[in-house]
Amino acid sequence: MPSKPRPAAARRGPALSHVDDSGAVRMVDVGAKAATAREAVAAGRITMSRAALRQIRAGRIKKGDPLQTARLAGIMAAKRTAELIPLCHPLPLTFADVILIPFAGGYDIEARVRTTAQTGVEMEALTAVSVAALTIYDMVKAVDKAMVISDIRVVEKRGGRSGHYRATGERASR
């Protein structure tokens, strides 16, 4: 039986760590790597109508406090990232926090996650931000279905072979 042609991504450019020589996805083996302290910070934002903001800030959302619920949901999501993202390694998190920063059109969301492990926690921080934003949407959608979740990104990471990374530019410094 003839072999299948390799996907274009497997034929050119730098090798992708989650793709084997045949182009199949795989989980990276981190067993030989040393466990080191690692930290990642991710950010995002949710924008909404003035009516939705007024109701949140006045404590009048019928489902309860969307901000505290979003914080808890984000922390819980960080701890369960490997169950959601197929090739993520399950990590023993030593810290996870989500903060919500009000601005005129909604909330900026920031997640900080730490571990001592063989791989980083960027996906856990990104998942925390995403789920926190989705939780706010879920709790406030009766007031504003047009809310927008945006700008989810890694803004900083420390540890591991690649060392310290800090995003630069306008998108990193909201």
Protein backbone atom coordinates (compact mmCIF):
# COMPACT_ATOMS: atom_id res chain seq x y z
CA MET A 1 0.00 0.00 0.00
CA PRO A 2 1.54 3.38 -0.95
CA SER A 3 2.25 5.76 1.88
CA LYS A 4 0.23 8.92 2.20
CA PRO A 5 1.98 12.12 1.14
CA ARG A 6 3.23 14.12 4.10
CA PRO A 7 1.32 17.31 4.88
CA ALA A 8 2.97 20.54 3.73
CA ALA A 9 3.65 21.54 7.36
CA ALA A 10 5.70 18.38 7.85
CA ARG A 11 7.73 18.91 4.62
CA ARG A 12 9.09 22.41 5.07
CA GLY A 13 10.18 24.94 7.65
CA PRO A 14 11.22 24.30 11.23
CA ALA A 15 9.99 21.08 12.76
CA LEU A 16 6.87 21.43 14.86
CA SER A 17 7.24 19.82 18.26
CA HIS A 18 3.75 18.29 18.19
CA VAL A 19 4.11 16.72 14.72
CA ASP A 20 6.15 13.59 13.99
CA ASP A 21 8.12 12.89 10.81
CA SER A 22 5.04 11.48 9.09
CA GLY A 23 2.94 14.54 9.86
CA ALA A 24 0.88 12.91 12.63
CA VAL A 25 0.21 14.87 15.80
CA ARG A 26 1.85 13.61 18.97
CA MET A 27 2.38 14.53 22.57
CA VAL A 28 5.92 15.78 23.18
CA ASP A 29 8.00 13.61 25.51
CA VAL A 30 9.29 15.90 28.25
CA GLY A 31 10.54 13.07 30.47
CA ALA A 32 14.22 13.91 30.03
CA LYS A 33 13.77 17.61 30.79
CA ALA A 34 14.57 18.98 34.23
CA ALA A 35 11.68 20.29 36.30
CA THR A 36 12.12 24.04 36.74
CA ALA A 37 10.04 26.88 38.14
CA ARG A 38 7.77 28.28 35.44
CA GLU A 39 5.24 31.08 35.31
CA ALA A 40 2.94 32.45 32.62
CA VAL A 41 0.70 35.48 32.45
CA ALA A 42 -2.10 35.71 29.89
CA ALA A 43 -4.56 38.50 29.26
CA GLY A 44 -7.75 39.17 27.39
CA ARG A 45 -10.77 41.40 27.49
CA ILE A 46 -14.53 41.40 27.37
CA THR A 47 -16.42 44.45 26.17
CA MET A 48 -20.10 45.02 26.73
CA SER A 49 -22.92 47.53 26.71
CA ARG A 50 -23.31 50.29 29.27
CA ALA A 51 -26.50 48.62 30.51
CA ALA A 52 -24.62 45.37 31.21
CA LEU A 53 -21.81 47.23 32.98
CA ARG A 54 -24.31 49.15 35.13
CA GLN A 55 -26.03 45.93 36.20
CA ILE A 56 -22.73 44.17 37.02
CA ARG A 57 -21.40 47.14 38.98
CA ALA A 58 -24.69 47.55 40.85
CA GLY A 59 -24.79 43.85 41.75
CA ARG A 60 -28.04 43.29 39.84
CA ILE A 61 -27.17 40.28 37.65
CA LYS A 62 -29.85 37.67 38.37
CA LYS A 63 -27.43 34.72 38.19
CA GLY A 64 -25.17 36.25 40.87
CA ASP A 65 -21.79 37.97 40.87
CA PRO A 66 -20.26 37.32 37.44
CA LEU A 67 -16.85 38.67 38.43
CA GLN A 68 -16.23 36.37 41.39
CA THR A 69 -17.74 33.45 39.50
CA ALA A 70 -15.43 34.21 36.54
CA ARG A 71 -12.37 34.32 38.83
CA LEU A 72 -13.21 30.90 40.26
CA ALA A 73 -14.06 29.44 36.85
CA GLY A 74 -10.74 30.67 35.44
CA ILE A 75 -8.76 29.12 38.29
CA MET A 76 -10.65 25.83 37.93
CA ALA A 77 -10.08 25.85 34.16
CA ALA A 78 -6.33 26.37 34.58
CA LYS A 79 -6.23 23.23 36.73
CA ARG A 80 -8.09 21.21 34.06
CA THR A 81 -6.38 22.44 30.90
CA ALA A 82 -4.92 19.03 30.01
CA GLU A 83 -8.47 17.64 29.90
CA LEU A 84 -9.48 20.26 27.33
CA ILE A 85 -6.44 20.65 25.06
CA PRO A 86 -5.52 17.24 23.62
CA LEU A 87 -1.72 17.48 23.62
CA CYS A 88 -1.18 19.43 26.85
CA HIS A 89 0.65 17.74 29.69
CA PRO A 90 -1.17 17.55 33.02
CA LEU A 91 0.75 19.87 35.35
CA PRO A 92 0.88 20.19 39.13
CA LEU A 93 -0.01 23.86 39.47
CA THR A 94 1.38 25.61 42.52
CA PHE A 95 -0.53 28.86 41.93
CA ALA A 96 -3.31 30.19 39.73
CA ASP A 97 -5.07 33.53 39.96
CA VAL A 98 -7.40 35.56 37.78
CA ILE A 99 -7.96 39.27 38.16
CA LEU A 100 -10.57 41.41 36.46
CA ILE A 101 -9.75 45.06 35.85
CA PRO A 102 -12.66 47.33 35.00
CA PHE A 103 -12.38 49.83 32.14
CA ALA A 104 -14.98 52.07 30.52
CA GLY A 105 -16.22 49.38 28.09
CA GLY A 106 -15.90 46.20 30.15
CA TYR A 107 -13.16 44.22 31.86
CA ASP A 108 -9.56 43.32 31.17
CA ILE A 109 -8.81 39.81 32.39
CA GLU A 110 -5.39 38.63 33.55
CA ALA A 111 -4.38 35.15 34.67
CA ARG A 112 -1.10 34.22 36.36
CA VAL A 113 -0.17 30.55 36.71
CA ARG A 114 2.89 28.87 38.27
CA THR A 115 4.34 25.39 38.47
CA THR A 116 7.58 23.54 38.92
CA ALA A 117 7.56 21.09 36.05
CA GLN A 118 9.19 19.98 32.80
CA THR A 119 7.02 22.16 30.58
CA GLY A 120 5.45 25.61 30.76
CA VAL A 121 2.07 26.88 31.85
CA GLU A 122 1.14 29.19 28.97
CA MET A 123 -1.82 27.04 27.96
CA GLU A 124 -3.12 27.01 31.53
CA ALA A 125 -2.96 30.81 31.72
CA LEU A 126 -4.66 31.19 28.32
CA THR A 127 -7.37 28.72 29.33
CA ALA A 128 -7.98 30.59 32.58
CA VAL A 129 -8.51 33.88 30.73
CA SER A 130 -10.74 32.27 28.11
CA VAL A 131 -12.99 30.51 30.61
CA ALA A 132 -13.22 33.59 32.85
CA ALA A 133 -14.40 35.63 29.85
CA LEU A 134 -16.86 32.93 28.79
CA THR A 135 -18.24 32.79 32.33
CA ILE A 136 -18.93 36.52 32.33
CA TYR A 137 -20.62 36.14 28.95
CA ASP A 138 -22.77 33.28 30.23
CA MET A 139 -23.88 35.17 33.33
CA VAL A 140 -24.59 38.47 31.57
CA LYS A 141 -25.95 37.34 28.17
CA ALA A 142 -29.56 38.01 29.23
CA VAL A 143 -28.63 41.70 29.36
CA ASP A 144 -26.18 41.86 26.42
CA LYS A 145 -25.79 39.14 23.81
CA ALA A 146 -23.41 41.33 21.78
CA MET A 147 -20.51 41.19 24.27
CA VAL A 148 -17.13 40.69 22.59
CA ILE A 149 -14.31 38.52 23.94
CA SER A 150 -10.98 39.56 22.42
CA ASP A 151 -7.22 39.96 22.60
CA ILE A 152 -6.50 36.70 24.44
CA ARG A 153 -2.72 36.29 24.45
CA VAL A 154 0.37 35.39 26.47
CA VAL A 155 1.90 38.57 27.85
CA GLU A 156 4.74 37.06 29.85
CA LYS A 157 6.40 33.75 30.64
CA ARG A 158 9.37 32.76 32.77
CA GLY A 159 11.37 29.58 33.11
CA GLY A 160 12.34 26.72 30.90
CA ARG A 161 14.86 26.61 28.10
CA SER A 162 13.48 29.65 26.28
CA GLY A 163 13.83 31.81 29.41
CA HIS A 164 11.94 35.03 29.93
CA TYR A 165 9.47 36.35 27.36
CA ARG A 166 7.51 39.56 27.64
CA ALA A 167 5.15 40.73 24.90
CA THR A 168 5.86 44.16 23.52
CA GLY A 169 3.78 46.70 21.73
CA GLU A 170 0.30 48.11 22.02
CA ARG A 171 -1.49 44.76 22.44
CA ALA A 172 0.65 43.81 25.45
CA SER A 173 0.10 46.98 27.44
CA ARG A 174 -3.62 47.58 27.71
